[in-house]
Amino acid sequence: MAFLGVQPGAGIEILMDLLGFRQELAGARLVITGEGSLDAQSLHGKAPVGVTGAAGTQGVPVVAVAGRTQLSVEQLRGAGIQARRPDPLRSRRWIPARAADGPSRPGRRSAGRRPAGRDR
């Protein structure tokens, strides 16, 4: 890899740099991220935890949408995920219905009031 001038790095970090993700967080009130499964692997470099880390440095709350969650409330909170939506079909109805409320209301509702381990 040194011959090619390439350095190894976490995929999500590389993508966030390429996309200017950290700059896009300026002024954001809520970040919604997703993964098919939030599990032990998620804590070691998968996209939601990378996104959450970047958002956390700017104080932006994060809601994770996942098809399945195998992490405890404590693990989710430790990773910086304030709330989760485990059912993608229900989440598809939940997010647009609240988007009309404006970004601060769903942020308070999702990130401030619901523990990460609760579906409702």
PDB file of N, CA and C in Angstrom:
ATOM      1  N   MET A   1       0.821  -1.189   0.000  1.00  0.00           N
ATOM      2  CA  MET A   1       0.000   0.000   0.000  1.00  0.00           C
ATOM      3  C   MET A   1       0.867   1.256   0.000  1.00  0.00           C
ATOM      4  N   ALA A   2       2.013   1.199   0.673  1.00  0.00           N
ATOM      5  CA  ALA A   2       2.897   2.362   0.702  1.00  0.00           C
ATOM      6  C   ALA A   2       3.394   2.682  -0.710  1.00  0.00           C
ATOM      7  N   PHE A   3       3.615   1.648  -1.503  1.00  0.00           N
ATOM      8  CA  PHE A   3       4.066   1.828  -2.879  1.00  0.00           C
ATOM      9  C   PHE A   3       3.060   2.654  -3.678  1.00  0.00           C
ATOM     10  N   LEU A   4       1.787   2.458  -3.396  1.00  0.00           N
ATOM     11  CA  LEU A   4       0.727   3.173  -4.107  1.00  0.00           C
ATOM     12  C   LEU A   4       0.394   4.518  -3.471  1.00  0.00           C
ATOM     13  N   GLY A   5       1.019   4.816  -2.329  1.00  0.00           N
ATOM     14  CA  GLY A   5       0.722   6.071  -1.642  1.00  0.00           C
ATOM     15  C   GLY A   5      -0.611   6.051  -0.922  1.00  0.00           C
ATOM     16  N   VAL A   6      -1.043   4.862  -0.532  1.00  0.00           N
ATOM     17  CA  VAL A   6      -2.338   4.691   0.123  1.00  0.00           C
ATOM     18  C   VAL A   6      -2.123   4.419   1.601  1.00  0.00           C
ATOM     19  N   GLN A   7      -2.968   4.994   2.427  1.00  0.00           N
ATOM     20  CA  GLN A   7      -2.921   4.715   3.860  1.00  0.00           C
ATOM     21  C   GLN A   7      -4.244   4.091   4.276  1.00  0.00           C
ATOM     22  N   PRO A   8      -4.192   3.064   5.139  1.00  0.00           N
ATOM     23  CA  PRO A   8      -5.445   2.455   5.587  1.00  0.00           C
ATOM     24  C   PRO A   8      -6.215   3.415   6.489  1.00  0.00           C
ATOM     25  N   GLY A   9      -7.529   3.267   6.481  1.00  0.00           N
ATOM     26  CA  GLY A   9      -8.368   4.086   7.347  1.00  0.00           C
ATOM     27  C   GLY A   9      -9.764   3.511   7.411  1.00  0.00           C
ATOM     28  N   ALA A  10     -10.531   3.967   8.385  1.00  0.00           N
ATOM     29  CA  ALA A  10     -11.913   3.515   8.530  1.00  0.00           C
ATOM     30  C   ALA A  10     -12.734   4.043   7.356  1.00  0.00           C
ATOM     31  N   GLY A  11     -13.515   3.160   6.758  1.00  0.00           N
ATOM     32  CA  GLY A  11     -14.318   3.531   5.596  1.00  0.00           C
ATOM     33  C   GLY A  11     -15.234   4.715   5.841  1.00  0.00           C
ATOM     34  N   ILE A  12     -15.898   4.737   6.991  1.00  0.00           N
ATOM     35  CA  ILE A  12     -16.828   5.830   7.263  1.00  0.00           C
ATOM     36  C   ILE A  12     -16.087   7.151   7.396  1.00  0.00           C
ATOM     37  N   GLU A  13     -14.894   7.134   7.968  1.00  0.00           N
ATOM     38  CA  GLU A  13     -14.114   8.373   8.101  1.00  0.00           C
ATOM     39  C   GLU A  13     -13.731   8.911   6.725  1.00  0.00           C
ATOM     40  N   ILE A  14     -13.334   8.014   5.842  1.00  0.00           N
ATOM     41  CA  ILE A  14     -12.957   8.416   4.486  1.00  0.00           C
ATOM     42  C   ILE A  14     -14.163   9.012   3.764  1.00  0.00           C
ATOM     43  N   LEU A  15     -15.318   8.343   3.869  1.00  0.00           N
ATOM     44  CA  LEU A  15     -16.529   8.852   3.218  1.00  0.00           C
ATOM     45  C   LEU A  15     -16.957  10.202   3.780  1.00  0.00           C
ATOM     46  N   MET A  16     -16.919  10.348   5.108  1.00  0.00           N
ATOM     47  CA  MET A  16     -17.319  11.624   5.699  1.00  0.00           C
ATOM     48  C   MET A  16     -16.398  12.743   5.234  1.00  0.00           C
ATOM     49  N   ASP A  17     -15.102  12.450   5.102  1.00  0.00           N
ATOM     50  CA  ASP A  17     -14.165  13.461   4.601  1.00  0.00           C
ATOM     51  C   ASP A  17     -14.474  13.819   3.148  1.00  0.00           C
ATOM     52  N   LEU A  18     -14.693  12.798   2.313  1.00  0.00           N
ATOM     53  CA  LEU A  18     -14.989  13.043   0.900  1.00  0.00           C
ATOM     54  C   LEU A  18     -16.275  13.842   0.708  1.00  0.00           C
ATOM     55  N   LEU A  19     -17.269  13.570   1.548  1.00  0.00           N
ATOM     56  CA  LEU A  19     -18.576  14.223   1.426  1.00  0.00           C
ATOM     57  C   LEU A  19     -18.663  15.557   2.151  1.00  0.00           C
ATOM     58  N   GLY A  20     -17.654  15.893   2.933  1.00  0.00           N
ATOM     59  CA  GLY A  20     -17.721  17.125   3.722  1.00  0.00           C
ATOM     60  C   GLY A  20     -18.778  17.045   4.810  1.00  0.00           C
ATOM     61  N   PHE A  21     -18.945  15.853   5.359  1.00  0.00           N
ATOM     62  CA  PHE A  21     -20.021  15.615   6.330  1.00  0.00           C
ATOM     63  C   PHE A  21     -19.922  16.527   7.544  1.00  0.00           C
ATOM     64  N   ARG A  22     -18.733  16.691   8.075  1.00  0.00           N
ATOM     65  CA  ARG A  22     -18.575  17.519   9.280  1.00  0.00           C
ATOM     66  C   ARG A  22     -18.976  18.968   9.011  1.00  0.00           C
ATOM     67  N   GLN A  23     -18.674  19.466   7.829  1.00  0.00           N
ATOM     68  CA  GLN A  23     -19.080  20.821   7.477  1.00  0.00           C
ATOM     69  C   GLN A  23     -20.601  20.910   7.329  1.00  0.00           C
ATOM     70  N   GLU A  24     -21.219  19.852   6.823  1.00  0.00           N
ATOM     71  CA  GLU A  24     -22.674  19.829   6.649  1.00  0.00           C
ATOM     72  C   GLU A  24     -23.408  19.817   7.987  1.00  0.00           C
ATOM     73  N   LEU A  25     -22.728  19.400   9.049  1.00  0.00           N
ATOM     74  CA  LEU A  25     -23.359  19.365  10.371  1.00  0.00           C
ATOM     75  C   LEU A  25     -23.595  20.757  10.950  1.00  0.00           C
ATOM     76  N   ALA A  26     -22.885  21.743  10.439  1.00  0.00           N
ATOM     77  CA  ALA A  26     -23.035  23.102  10.967  1.00  0.00           C
ATOM     78  C   ALA A  26     -24.495  23.532  10.853  1.00  0.00           C
ATOM     79  N   GLY A  27     -25.099  23.834  11.977  1.00  0.00           N
ATOM     80  CA  GLY A  27     -26.490  24.264  12.003  1.00  0.00           C
ATOM     81  C   GLY A  27     -27.511  23.138  12.041  1.00  0.00           C
ATOM     82  N   ALA A  28     -27.062  21.883  11.942  1.00  0.00           N
ATOM     83  CA  ALA A  28     -28.007  20.759  11.991  1.00  0.00           C
ATOM     84  C   ALA A  28     -28.598  20.633  13.388  1.00  0.00           C
ATOM     85  N   ARG A  29     -29.852  20.242  13.454  1.00  0.00           N
ATOM     86  CA  ARG A  29     -30.522  20.040  14.742  1.00  0.00           C
ATOM     87  C   ARG A  29     -30.742  18.562  15.051  1.00  0.00           C
ATOM     88  N   LEU A  30     -30.632  17.721  14.032  1.00  0.00           N
ATOM     89  CA  LEU A  30     -30.855  16.289  14.207  1.00  0.00           C
ATOM     90  C   LEU A  30     -30.178  15.554  13.063  1.00  0.00           C
ATOM     91  N   VAL A  31     -29.563  14.412  13.376  1.00  0.00           N
ATOM     92  CA  VAL A  31     -29.008  13.525  12.359  1.00  0.00           C
ATOM     93  C   VAL A  31     -29.746  12.203  12.462  1.00  0.00           C
ATOM     94  N   ILE A  32     -30.194  11.695  11.323  1.00  0.00           N
ATOM     95  CA  ILE A  32     -30.823  10.374  11.262  1.00  0.00           C
ATOM     96  C   ILE A  32     -29.878   9.488  10.462  1.00  0.00           C
ATOM     97  N   THR A  33     -29.451   8.397  11.070  1.00  0.00           N
ATOM     98  CA  THR A  33     -28.543   7.461  10.413  1.00  0.00           C
ATOM     99  C   THR A  33     -29.169   6.076  10.461  1.00  0.00           C
ATOM    100  N   GLY A  34     -28.656   5.152   9.704  1.00  0.00           N
ATOM    101  CA  GLY A  34     -29.266   3.834   9.698  1.00  0.00           C
ATOM    102  C   GLY A  34     -28.291   2.722   9.396  1.00  0.00           C
ATOM    103  N   GLU A  35     -28.740   1.529   9.713  1.00  0.00           N
ATOM    104  CA  GLU A  35     -27.953   0.313   9.499  1.00  0.00           C
ATOM    105  C   GLU A  35     -28.931  -0.851   9.520  1.00  0.00           C
ATOM    106  N   GLY A  36     -28.636  -1.876   8.773  1.00  0.00           N
ATOM    107  CA  GLY A  36     -29.487  -3.058   8.804  1.00  0.00           C
ATOM    108  C   GLY A  36     -29.543  -3.675  10.185  1.00  0.00           C
ATOM    109  N   SER A  37     -28.383  -3.724  10.846  1.00  0.00           N
ATOM    110  CA  SER A  37     -28.306  -4.306  12.180  1.00  0.00           C
ATOM    111  C   SER A  37     -27.348  -3.490  13.037  1.00  0.00           C
ATOM    112  N   LEU A  38     -27.847  -2.986  14.157  1.00  0.00           N
ATOM    113  CA  LEU A  38     -26.981  -2.347  15.149  1.00  0.00           C
ATOM    114  C   LEU A  38     -26.545  -3.450  16.101  1.00  0.00           C
ATOM    115  N   ASP A  39     -25.273  -3.820  16.025  1.00  0.00           N
ATOM    116  CA  ASP A  39     -24.773  -4.936  16.821  1.00  0.00           C
ATOM    117  C   ASP A  39     -23.355  -4.621  17.296  1.00  0.00           C
ATOM    118  N   ALA A  40     -22.687  -5.610  17.846  1.00  0.00           N
ATOM    119  CA  ALA A  40     -21.341  -5.394  18.385  1.00  0.00           C
ATOM    120  C   ALA A  40     -20.386  -4.855  17.323  1.00  0.00           C
ATOM    121  N   GLN A  41     -20.533  -5.281  16.074  1.00  0.00           N
ATOM    122  CA  GLN A  41     -19.681  -4.768  14.998  1.00  0.00           C
ATOM    123  C   GLN A  41     -19.898  -3.274  14.787  1.00  0.00           C
ATOM    124  N   SER A  42     -21.109  -2.804  15.042  1.00  0.00           N
ATOM    125  CA  SER A  42     -21.418  -1.382  14.858  1.00  0.00           C
ATOM    126  C   SER A  42     -20.532  -0.502  15.718  1.00  0.00           C
ATOM    127  N   LEU A  43     -20.131  -1.009  16.870  1.00  0.00           N
ATOM    128  CA  LEU A  43     -19.324  -0.228  17.803  1.00  0.00           C
ATOM    129  C   LEU A  43     -17.874  -0.085  17.348  1.00  0.00           C
ATOM    130  N   HIS A  44     -17.500  -0.791  16.280  1.00  0.00           N
ATOM    131  CA  HIS A  44     -16.103  -0.798  15.832  1.00  0.00           C
ATOM    132  C   HIS A  44     -15.954  -0.330  14.392  1.00  0.00           C
ATOM    133  N   GLY A  45     -16.622   0.760  14.048  1.00  0.00           N
ATOM    134  CA  GLY A  45     -16.355   1.380  12.764  1.00  0.00           C
ATOM    135  C   GLY A  45     -17.456   1.363  11.727  1.00  0.00           C
ATOM    136  N   LYS A  46     -18.617   0.794  12.016  1.00  0.00           N
ATOM    137  CA  LYS A  46     -19.691   0.854  11.040  1.00  0.00           C
ATOM    138  C   LYS A  46     -20.232   2.284  10.959  1.00  0.00           C
ATOM    139  N   ALA A  47     -20.920   2.569   9.898  1.00  0.00           N
ATOM    140  CA  ALA A  47     -21.352   3.933   9.593  1.00  0.00           C
ATOM    141  C   ALA A  47     -22.108   4.644  10.717  1.00  0.00           C
ATOM    142  N   PRO A  48     -23.127   4.045  11.344  1.00  0.00           N
ATOM    143  CA  PRO A  48     -23.882   4.803  12.347  1.00  0.00           C
ATOM    144  C   PRO A  48     -23.036   5.336  13.497  1.00  0.00           C
ATOM    145  N   VAL A  49     -22.082   4.558  13.961  1.00  0.00           N
ATOM    146  CA  VAL A  49     -21.265   5.015  15.087  1.00  0.00           C
ATOM    147  C   VAL A  49     -20.272   6.085  14.620  1.00  0.00           C
ATOM    148  N   GLY A  50     -19.765   5.973  13.407  1.00  0.00           N
ATOM    149  CA  GLY A  50     -18.911   7.021  12.864  1.00  0.00           C
ATOM    150  C   GLY A  50     -19.664   8.330  12.693  1.00  0.00           C
ATOM    151  N   VAL A  51     -20.875   8.241  12.159  1.00  0.00           N
ATOM    152  CA  VAL A  51     -21.728   9.418  11.989  1.00  0.00           C
ATOM    153  C   VAL A  51     -22.061  10.022  13.347  1.00  0.00           C
ATOM    154  N   THR A  52     -22.383   9.163  14.305  1.00  0.00           N
ATOM    155  CA  THR A  52     -22.727   9.630  15.647  1.00  0.00           C
ATOM    156  C   THR A  52     -21.549  10.336  16.302  1.00  0.00           C
ATOM    157  N   GLY A  53     -20.352   9.788  16.123  1.00  0.00           N
ATOM    158  CA  GLY A  53     -19.169  10.429  16.694  1.00  0.00           C
ATOM    159  C   GLY A  53     -18.955  11.822  16.131  1.00  0.00           C
ATOM    160  N   ALA A  54     -19.105  11.961  14.822  1.00  0.00           N
ATOM    161  CA  ALA A  54     -18.932  13.273  14.190  1.00  0.00           C
ATOM    162  C   ALA A  54     -20.013  14.242  14.654  1.00  0.00           C
ATOM    163  N   ALA A  55     -21.249  13.771  14.722  1.00  0.00           N
ATOM    164  CA  ALA A  55     -22.348  14.636  15.170  1.00  0.00           C
ATOM    165  C   ALA A  55     -22.161  15.031  16.627  1.00  0.00           C
ATOM    166  N   GLY A  56     -21.691  14.093  17.434  1.00  0.00           N
ATOM    167  CA  GLY A  56     -21.499  14.353  18.859  1.00  0.00           C
ATOM    168  C   GLY A  56     -20.487  15.445  19.131  1.00  0.00           C
ATOM    169  N   THR A  57     -19.464  15.561  18.290  1.00  0.00           N
ATOM    170  CA  THR A  57     -18.467  16.615  18.497  1.00  0.00           C
ATOM    171  C   THR A  57     -19.058  18.000  18.297  1.00  0.00           C
ATOM    172  N   GLN A  58     -20.198  18.057  17.596  1.00  0.00           N
ATOM    173  CA  GLN A  58     -20.859  19.339  17.369  1.00  0.00           C
ATOM    174  C   GLN A  58     -22.165  19.453  18.150  1.00  0.00           C
ATOM    175  N   GLY A  59     -22.416  18.483  19.041  1.00  0.00           N
ATOM    176  CA  GLY A  59     -23.600  18.545  19.890  1.00  0.00           C
ATOM    177  C   GLY A  59     -24.912  18.279  19.175  1.00  0.00           C
ATOM    178  N   VAL A  60     -24.869  17.572  18.058  1.00  0.00           N
ATOM    179  CA  VAL A  60     -26.079  17.280  17.293  1.00  0.00           C
ATOM    180  C   VAL A  60     -26.598  15.900  17.699  1.00  0.00           C
ATOM    181  N   PRO A  61     -27.862  15.806  18.164  1.00  0.00           N
ATOM    182  CA  PRO A  61     -28.407  14.504  18.554  1.00  0.00           C
ATOM    183  C   PRO A  61     -28.592  13.585  17.352  1.00  0.00           C
ATOM    184  N   VAL A  62     -28.541  12.275  17.623  1.00  0.00           N
ATOM    185  CA  VAL A  62     -28.618  11.273  16.561  1.00  0.00           C
ATOM    186  C   VAL A  62     -29.713  10.262  16.863  1.00  0.00           C
ATOM    187  N   VAL A  63     -30.522   9.971  15.850  1.00  0.00           N
ATOM    188  CA  VAL A  63     -31.505   8.894  15.898  1.00  0.00           C
ATOM    189  C   VAL A  63     -31.032   7.841  14.906  1.00  0.00           C
ATOM    190  N   ALA A  64     -31.005   6.595  15.324  1.00  0.00           N
ATOM    191  CA  ALA A  64     -30.598   5.500  14.443  1.00  0.00           C
ATOM    192  C   ALA A  64     -31.819   4.686  14.043  1.00  0.00           C
ATOM    193  N   VAL A  65     -31.938   4.391  12.761  1.00  0.00           N
ATOM    194  CA  VAL A  65     -32.976   3.522  12.227  1.00  0.00           C
ATOM    195  C   VAL A  65     -32.288   2.208  11.891  1.00  0.00           C
ATOM    196  N   ALA A  66     -32.810   1.113  12.425  1.00  0.00           N
ATOM    197  CA  ALA A  66     -32.178  -0.185  12.190  1.00  0.00           C
ATOM    198  C   ALA A  66     -33.224  -1.270  12.034  1.00  0.00           C
ATOM    199  N   GLY A  67     -32.947  -2.198  11.145  1.00  0.00           N
ATOM    200  CA  GLY A  67     -33.833  -3.337  10.977  1.00  0.00           C
ATOM    201  C   GLY A  67     -33.852  -4.214  12.214  1.00  0.00           C
ATOM    202  N   ARG A  68     -32.708  -4.248  12.900  1.00  0.00           N
ATOM    203  CA  ARG A  68     -32.627  -5.029  14.131  1.00  0.00           C
ATOM    204  C   ARG A  68     -31.573  -4.392  15.021  1.00  0.00           C
ATOM    205  N   THR A  69     -31.809  -4.455  16.311  1.00  0.00           N
ATOM    206  CA  THR A  69     -30.876  -3.886  17.280  1.00  0.00           C
ATOM    207  C   THR A  69     -30.505  -4.950  18.293  1.00  0.00           C
ATOM    208  N   GLN A  70     -29.214  -5.241  18.391  1.00  0.00           N
ATOM    209  CA  GLN A  70     -28.729  -6.211  19.358  1.00  0.00           C
ATOM    210  C   GLN A  70     -27.894  -5.554  20.446  1.00  0.00           C
ATOM    211  N   LEU A  71     -27.931  -4.236  20.507  1.00  0.00           N
ATOM    212  CA  LEU A  71     -27.183  -3.506  21.524  1.00  0.00           C
ATOM    213  C   LEU A  71     -28.117  -3.085  22.649  1.00  0.00           C
ATOM    214  N   SER A  72     -27.574  -3.052  23.851  1.00  0.00           N
ATOM    215  CA  SER A  72     -28.360  -2.605  25.004  1.00  0.00           C
ATOM    216  C   SER A  72     -28.514  -1.089  24.960  1.00  0.00           C
ATOM    217  N   VAL A  73     -29.417  -0.585  25.768  1.00  0.00           N
ATOM    218  CA  VAL A  73     -29.608   0.861  25.890  1.00  0.00           C
ATOM    219  C   VAL A  73     -28.292   1.522  26.271  1.00  0.00           C
ATOM    220  N   GLU A  74     -27.570   0.905  27.199  1.00  0.00           N
ATOM    221  CA  GLU A  74     -26.301   1.468  27.651  1.00  0.00           C
ATOM    222  C   GLU A  74     -25.280   1.521  26.510  1.00  0.00           C
ATOM    223  N   GLN A  75     -25.234   0.479  25.701  1.00  0.00           N
ATOM    224  CA  GLN A  75     -24.303   0.464  24.572  1.00  0.00           C
ATOM    225  C   GLN A  75     -24.674   1.526  23.542  1.00  0.00           C
ATOM    226  N   LEU A  76     -25.967   1.659  23.272  1.00  0.00           N
ATOM    227  CA  LEU A  76     -26.412   2.679  22.322  1.00  0.00           C
ATOM    228  C   LEU A  76     -26.065   4.074  22.823  1.00  0.00           C
ATOM    229  N   ARG A  77     -26.382   4.323  24.083  1.00  0.00           N
ATOM    230  CA  ARG A  77     -26.077   5.633  24.668  1.00  0.00           C
ATOM    231  C   ARG A  77     -24.572   5.882  24.706  1.00  0.00           C
ATOM    232  N   GLY A  78     -23.800   4.847  25.035  1.00  0.00           N
ATOM    233  CA  GLY A  78     -22.348   4.985  25.061  1.00  0.00           C
ATOM    234  C   GLY A  78     -21.774   5.332  23.693  1.00  0.00           C
ATOM    235  N   ALA A  79     -22.446   4.869  22.646  1.00  0.00           N
ATOM    236  CA  ALA A  79     -22.027   5.181  21.276  1.00  0.00           C
ATOM    237  C   ALA A  79     -22.535   6.549  20.831  1.00  0.00           C
ATOM    238  N   GLY A  80     -23.369   7.188  21.662  1.00  0.00           N
ATOM    239  CA  GLY A  80     -23.881   8.514  21.329  1.00  0.00           C
ATOM    240  C   GLY A  80     -25.224   8.519  20.640  1.00  0.00           C
ATOM    241  N   ILE A  81     -25.862   7.364  20.545  1.00  0.00           N
ATOM    242  CA  ILE A  81     -27.175   7.281  19.898  1.00  0.00           C
ATOM    243  C   ILE A  81     -28.241   7.542  20.954  1.00  0.00           C
ATOM    244  N   GLN A  82     -28.980   8.638  20.791  1.00  0.00           N
ATOM    245  CA  GLN A  82     -29.972   9.018  21.786  1.00  0.00           C
ATOM    246  C   GLN A  82     -31.282   8.266  21.642  1.00  0.00           C
ATOM    247  N   ALA A  83     -31.619   7.856  20.437  1.00  0.00           N
ATOM    248  CA  ALA A  83     -32.879   7.141  20.210  1.00  0.00           C
ATOM    249  C   ALA A  83     -32.692   6.214  19.026  1.00  0.00           C
ATOM    250  N   ARG A  84     -33.539   5.209  18.964  1.00  0.00           N
ATOM    251  CA  ARG A  84     -33.486   4.295  17.826  1.00  0.00           C
ATOM    252  C   ARG A  84     -34.893   3.933  17.394  1.00  0.00           C
ATOM    253  N   ARG A  85     -35.016   3.615  16.154  1.00  0.00           N
ATOM    254  CA  ARG A  85     -36.256   3.143  15.562  1.00  0.00           C
ATOM    255  C   ARG A  85     -35.946   1.781  14.960  1.00  0.00           C
ATOM    256  N   PRO A  86     -36.417   0.696  15.579  1.00  0.00           N
ATOM    257  CA  PRO A  86     -36.015  -0.621  15.100  1.00  0.00           C
ATOM    258  C   PRO A  86     -36.793  -1.140  13.900  1.00  0.00           C
ATOM    259  N   ASP A  87     -37.962  -0.609  13.636  1.00  0.00           N
ATOM    260  CA  ASP A  87     -38.806  -1.144  12.572  1.00  0.00           C
ATOM    261  C   ASP A  87     -38.765  -0.197  11.377  1.00  0.00           C
ATOM    262  N   PRO A  88     -38.076  -0.559  10.311  1.00  0.00           N
ATOM    263  CA  PRO A  88     -37.962   0.359   9.182  1.00  0.00           C
ATOM    264  C   PRO A  88     -39.306   0.782   8.600  1.00  0.00           C
ATOM    265  N   LEU A  89     -40.286  -0.108   8.571  1.00  0.00           N
ATOM    266  CA  LEU A  89     -41.585   0.275   8.018  1.00  0.00           C
ATOM    267  C   LEU A  89     -42.258   1.320   8.890  1.00  0.00           C
ATOM    268  N   ARG A  90     -42.229   1.125  10.193  1.00  0.00           N
ATOM    269  CA  ARG A  90     -42.825   2.114  11.085  1.00  0.00           C
ATOM    270  C   ARG A  90     -42.020   3.406  11.036  1.00  0.00           C
ATOM    271  N   SER A  91     -40.713   3.298  10.942  1.00  0.00           N
ATOM    272  CA  SER A  91     -39.862   4.486  10.877  1.00  0.00           C
ATOM    273  C   SER A  91     -40.147   5.296   9.624  1.00  0.00           C
ATOM    274  N   ARG A  92     -40.419   4.612   8.528  1.00  0.00           N
ATOM    275  CA  ARG A  92     -40.745   5.321   7.289  1.00  0.00           C
ATOM    276  C   ARG A  92     -41.995   6.171   7.455  1.00  0.00           C
ATOM    277  N   ARG A  93     -42.926   5.714   8.286  1.00  0.00           N
ATOM    278  CA  ARG A  93     -44.132   6.511   8.569  1.00  0.00           C
ATOM    279  C   ARG A  93     -43.837   7.570   9.609  1.00  0.00           C
ATOM    280  N   TRP A  94     -43.017   7.242  10.610  1.00  0.00           N
ATOM    281  CA  TRP A  94     -42.759   8.142  11.734  1.00  0.00           C
ATOM    282  C   TRP A  94     -41.974   9.378  11.323  1.00  0.00           C
ATOM    283  N   ILE A  95     -40.896   9.200  10.570  1.00  0.00           N
ATOM    284  CA  ILE A  95     -40.017  10.323  10.249  1.00  0.00           C
ATOM    285  C   ILE A  95     -40.713  11.367   9.376  1.00  0.00           C
ATOM    286  N   PRO A  96     -41.337  11.004   8.235  1.00  0.00           N
ATOM    287  CA  PRO A  96     -41.991  12.049   7.437  1.00  0.00           C
ATOM    288  C   PRO A  96     -43.142  12.729   8.177  1.00  0.00           C
ATOM    289  N   ALA A  97     -43.855  11.991   9.004  1.00  0.00           N
ATOM    290  CA  ALA A  97     -44.979  12.586   9.730  1.00  0.00           C
ATOM    291  C   ALA A  97     -44.505  13.682  10.659  1.00  0.00           C
ATOM    292  N   ARG A  98     -43.299  13.570  11.167  1.00  0.00           N
ATOM    293  CA  ARG A  98     -42.790  14.570  12.095  1.00  0.00           C
ATOM    294  C   ARG A  98     -41.886  15.599  11.435  1.00  0.00           C
ATOM    295  N   ALA A  99     -41.482  15.340  10.204  1.00  0.00           N
ATOM    296  CA  ALA A  99     -40.614  16.295   9.512  1.00  0.00           C
ATOM    297  C   ALA A  99     -41.311  17.638   9.346  1.00  0.00           C
ATOM    298  N   ALA A 100     -42.635  17.615   9.170  1.00  0.00           N
ATOM    299  CA  ALA A 100     -43.389  18.861   9.027  1.00  0.00           C
ATOM    300  C   ALA A 100     -43.384  19.684  10.311  1.00  0.00           C
ATOM    301  N   ASP A 101     -43.075  19.045  11.448  1.00  0.00           N
ATOM    302  CA  ASP A 101     -43.020  19.766  12.725  1.00  0.00           C
ATOM    303  C   ASP A 101     -41.856  20.746  12.770  1.00  0.00           C
ATOM    304  N   GLY A 102     -40.912  20.608  11.880  1.00  0.00           N
ATOM    305  CA  GLY A 102     -39.689  21.413  11.950  1.00  0.00           C
ATOM    306  C   GLY A 102     -38.622  20.611  12.659  1.00  0.00           C
ATOM    307  N   PRO A 103     -37.373  20.902  12.395  1.00  0.00           N
ATOM    308  CA  PRO A 103     -36.296  20.060  12.916  1.00  0.00           C
ATOM    309  C   PRO A 103     -36.137  20.066  14.424  1.00  0.00           C
ATOM    310  N   SER A 104     -36.537  21.129  15.103  1.00  0.00           N
ATOM    311  CA  SER A 104     -36.300  21.140  16.544  1.00  0.00           C
ATOM    312  C   SER A 104     -37.279  20.246  17.286  1.00  0.00           C
ATOM    313  N   ARG A 105     -38.509  20.152  16.834  1.00  0.00           N
ATOM    314  CA  ARG A 105     -39.492  19.337  17.542  1.00  0.00           C
ATOM    315  C   ARG A 105     -39.172  17.842  17.478  1.00  0.00           C
ATOM    316  N   PRO A 106     -38.901  17.264  16.288  1.00  0.00           N
ATOM    317  CA  PRO A 106     -38.531  15.845  16.304  1.00  0.00           C
ATOM    318  C   PRO A 106     -37.225  15.596  17.039  1.00  0.00           C
ATOM    319  N   GLY A 107     -36.335  16.561  17.005  1.00  0.00           N
ATOM    320  CA  GLY A 107     -35.083  16.403  17.750  1.00  0.00           C
ATOM    321  C   GLY A 107     -35.337  16.287  19.233  1.00  0.00           C
ATOM    322  N   ARG A 108     -36.192  17.156  19.764  1.00  0.00           N
ATOM    323  CA  ARG A 108     -36.537  17.070  21.193  1.00  0.00           C
ATOM    324  C   ARG A 108     -37.278  15.778  21.474  1.00  0.00           C
ATOM    325  N   ARG A 109     -38.212  15.453  20.594  1.00  0.00           N
ATOM    326  CA  ARG A 109     -39.033  14.266  20.804  1.00  0.00           C
ATOM    327  C   ARG A 109     -38.184  13.000  20.782  1.00  0.00           C
ATOM    328  N   SER A 110     -37.327  12.878  19.777  1.00  0.00           N
ATOM    329  CA  SER A 110     -36.544  11.657  19.617  1.00  0.00           C
ATOM    330  C   SER A 110     -35.322  11.605  20.501  1.00  0.00           C
ATOM    331  N   ALA A 111     -34.567  12.660  20.521  1.00  0.00           N
ATOM    332  CA  ALA A 111     -33.288  12.624  21.217  1.00  0.00           C
ATOM    333  C   ALA A 111     -33.395  13.001  22.679  1.00  0.00           C
ATOM    334  N   GLY A 112     -34.375  13.788  23.039  1.00  0.00           N
ATOM    335  CA  GLY A 112     -34.423  14.281  24.401  1.00  0.00           C
ATOM    336  C   GLY A 112     -35.335  13.539  25.338  1.00  0.00           C
ATOM    337  N   ARG A 113     -36.323  12.878  24.826  1.00  0.00           N
ATOM    338  CA  ARG A 113     -37.326  12.294  25.712  1.00  0.00           C
ATOM    339  C   ARG A 113     -37.365  10.783  25.714  1.00  0.00           C
ATOM    340  N   ARG A 114     -36.989  10.151  24.622  1.00  0.00           N
ATOM    341  CA  ARG A 114     -37.106   8.696  24.535  1.00  0.00           C
ATOM    342  C   ARG A 114     -35.769   8.038  24.814  1.00  0.00           C
ATOM    343  N   PRO A 115     -35.727   7.115  25.749  1.00  0.00           N
ATOM    344  CA  PRO A 115     -34.488   6.357  25.927  1.00  0.00           C
ATOM    345  C   PRO A 115     -34.196   5.554  24.665  1.00  0.00           C
ATOM    346  N   ALA A 116     -32.954   5.272  24.425  1.00  0.00           N
ATOM    347  CA  ALA A 116     -32.559   4.562  23.214  1.00  0.00           C
ATOM    348  C   ALA A 116     -33.209   3.192  23.105  1.00  0.00           C
ATOM    349  N   GLY A 117     -33.525   2.556  24.199  1.00  0.00           N
ATOM    350  CA  GLY A 117     -34.070   1.209  24.157  1.00  0.00           C
ATOM    351  C   GLY A 117     -35.568   1.125  23.995  1.00  0.00           C
ATOM    352  N   ARG A 118     -36.244   2.254  23.856  1.00  0.00           N
ATOM    353  CA  ARG A 118     -37.702   2.234  23.748  1.00  0.00           C
ATOM    354  C   ARG A 118     -38.118   2.484  22.318  1.00  0.00           C
ATOM    355  N   ASP A 119     -39.122   1.755  21.874  1.00  0.00           N
ATOM    356  CA  ASP A 119     -39.622   1.903  20.513  1.00  0.00           C
ATOM    357  C   ASP A 119     -40.648   3.017  20.400  1.00  0.00           C
ATOM    358  N   ARG A 120     -41.311   3.327  21.448  1.00  0.00           N
ATOM    359  CA  ARG A 120     -42.361   4.358  21.419  1.00  0.00           C
ATOM    360  C   ARG A 120     -42.090   5.400  22.441  1.00  0.00           C
TER     361      ARG A 120
END
